Amino acid sequence: MAESDKLDGLPVNVGSEIGVPIREVAEQISDALGIRIESEVNGEFRPGEMRHLTSGTERIQAVGYKPQVDLAKGIRRYLDWIRQQGDVKDYFSEAADILRTKGIVHSITK
C-alpha cells in the first residue's frame, strides 16, 4: 500500500487501467454468485453518458500505488461485503423507471 500525503484533498482514480466490457463484468459477477445471469442490452442510454471509460491512475501511481487485486477477486470481495450489510433495498428498477418517465433515458433504434 502506498502511503503519502501528497494526494490529500485531491481526487484520485484507483484501478488497473485495464478496460473491461460491462458484459464481462456481468459474467464475472454471475460466476462469483454461482448463478446464471443473462445480460440484457436494451439499447437505452442517457445523453452525455460515457460509453467507454478506463480509469486514469497516473496521479496515484506517482506516489507508488500498484493494483494488487484483479477484477475477479475484487468482485468476490465486494459481494462478501454486500452480504455482510444485511437486507439492502434494490433501487435499480425504481430509478430506471424515473429516468424513463423524465425522458432522461433514450433508446437506440435498431
Protein backbone atom coordinates (compact mmCIF):
# COMPACT_ATOMS: atom_id res chain seq x y z
CA MET A 1 0.00 0.00 0.00
CA ALA A 2 1.31 3.43 -0.93
CA GLU A 3 1.38 5.93 1.90
CA SER A 4 1.70 9.61 1.11
CA ASP A 5 0.05 12.90 1.98
CA LYS A 6 0.82 14.32 -1.48
CA LEU A 7 -2.70 13.49 -2.65
CA ASP A 8 -4.57 14.90 0.35
CA GLY A 9 -7.66 16.70 -0.89
CA LEU A 10 -7.16 15.60 -4.50
CA PRO A 11 -9.47 13.26 -6.41
CA VAL A 12 -7.75 10.05 -7.47
CA ASN A 13 -8.80 7.07 -9.55
CA VAL A 14 -7.92 3.67 -8.21
CA GLY A 15 -7.86 0.84 -10.69
CA SER A 16 -5.78 -1.21 -13.05
CA GLU A 17 -6.21 0.89 -16.21
CA ILE A 18 -7.42 -2.29 -17.92
CA GLY A 19 -10.69 -1.74 -19.77
CA VAL A 20 -13.25 -4.50 -19.30
CA PRO A 21 -16.53 -4.73 -21.23
CA ILE A 22 -19.56 -4.50 -18.94
CA ARG A 23 -20.78 -7.85 -20.30
CA GLU A 24 -17.58 -9.46 -18.96
CA VAL A 25 -18.09 -7.78 -15.58
CA ALA A 26 -21.64 -9.20 -15.51
CA GLU A 27 -20.29 -12.67 -16.36
CA GLN A 28 -17.72 -12.45 -13.57
CA ILE A 29 -20.41 -11.38 -11.09
CA SER A 30 -22.56 -14.26 -12.29
CA ASP A 31 -19.67 -16.69 -11.80
CA ALA A 32 -18.87 -15.32 -8.33
CA LEU A 33 -22.52 -15.72 -7.29
CA GLY A 34 -22.67 -19.21 -8.76
CA ILE A 35 -25.78 -18.37 -10.75
CA ARG A 36 -26.52 -17.70 -14.39
CA ILE A 37 -27.37 -14.06 -15.07
CA GLU A 38 -28.48 -13.28 -18.59
CA SER A 39 -27.20 -9.86 -19.57
CA GLU A 40 -29.70 -7.51 -21.15
CA VAL A 41 -28.71 -4.98 -23.78
CA ASN A 42 -31.81 -2.90 -24.35
CA GLY A 43 -30.29 -0.06 -26.36
CA GLU A 44 -31.12 2.59 -23.75
CA PHE A 45 -28.70 5.34 -22.81
CA ARG A 46 -28.56 8.75 -21.18
CA PRO A 47 -27.31 11.60 -23.40
CA GLY A 48 -23.79 12.58 -22.40
CA GLU A 49 -23.18 9.24 -20.73
CA MET A 50 -19.70 7.85 -21.33
CA ARG A 51 -19.87 4.68 -23.39
CA HIS A 52 -16.20 3.69 -22.94
CA LEU A 53 -14.12 4.57 -19.91
CA THR A 54 -10.84 3.42 -18.43
CA SER A 55 -9.62 4.96 -15.19
CA GLY A 56 -6.55 7.16 -15.38
CA THR A 57 -4.41 6.26 -12.39
CA GLU A 58 -1.30 8.30 -13.16
CA ARG A 59 -1.76 10.52 -10.11
CA ILE A 60 -1.95 7.67 -7.61
CA GLN A 61 0.76 5.64 -9.35
CA ALA A 62 3.09 8.64 -8.94
CA VAL A 63 3.05 8.02 -5.17
CA GLY A 64 3.71 4.29 -5.50
CA TYR A 65 0.27 2.72 -5.87
CA LYS A 66 0.16 -0.58 -7.74
CA PRO A 67 -3.03 -2.63 -8.09
CA GLN A 68 -2.88 -5.83 -6.07
CA VAL A 69 -6.36 -7.26 -6.62
CA ASP A 70 -7.62 -8.40 -10.00
CA LEU A 71 -11.21 -7.82 -11.10
CA ALA A 72 -12.48 -11.31 -10.22
CA LYS A 73 -11.06 -11.14 -6.70
CA GLY A 74 -12.36 -7.57 -6.27
CA ILE A 75 -15.84 -8.71 -7.28
CA ARG A 76 -15.72 -11.59 -4.79
CA ARG A 77 -14.59 -9.22 -2.02
CA TYR A 78 -17.34 -6.74 -2.90
CA LEU A 79 -20.01 -9.44 -2.88
CA ASP A 80 -18.75 -10.65 0.50
CA TRP A 81 -19.04 -7.08 1.80
CA ILE A 82 -22.59 -6.75 0.40
CA ARG A 83 -23.61 -9.98 2.13
CA GLN A 84 -22.45 -8.51 5.44
CA GLN A 85 -24.72 -5.46 5.01
CA GLY A 86 -27.94 -7.32 5.76
CA ASP A 87 -31.13 -6.52 3.89
CA VAL A 88 -30.35 -3.98 1.16
CA LYS A 89 -33.18 -2.45 -0.86
CA ASP A 90 -32.95 -2.73 -4.65
CA TYR A 91 -33.37 0.78 -6.07
CA PHE A 92 -32.48 0.00 -9.69
CA SER A 93 -35.95 -0.68 -11.12
CA GLU A 94 -37.43 2.37 -9.43
CA ALA A 95 -34.57 4.60 -10.61
CA ALA A 96 -34.75 3.25 -14.18
CA ASP A 97 -38.50 3.97 -14.32
CA ILE A 98 -37.96 7.53 -13.06
CA LEU A 99 -35.26 8.17 -15.67
CA ARG A 100 -37.54 6.90 -18.46
CA THR A 101 -40.53 8.91 -17.20
CA LYS A 102 -38.47 12.10 -17.10
CA GLY A 103 -37.16 11.46 -20.62
CA ILE A 104 -33.58 11.17 -19.41
CA VAL A 105 -33.06 7.70 -20.87
CA HIS A 106 -33.19 7.40 -24.65
CA SER A 107 -33.37 4.32 -26.86
CA ILE A 108 -31.21 3.42 -29.82
CA THR A 109 -33.41 2.37 -32.71
CA LYS A 110 -32.14 -0.70 -34.48
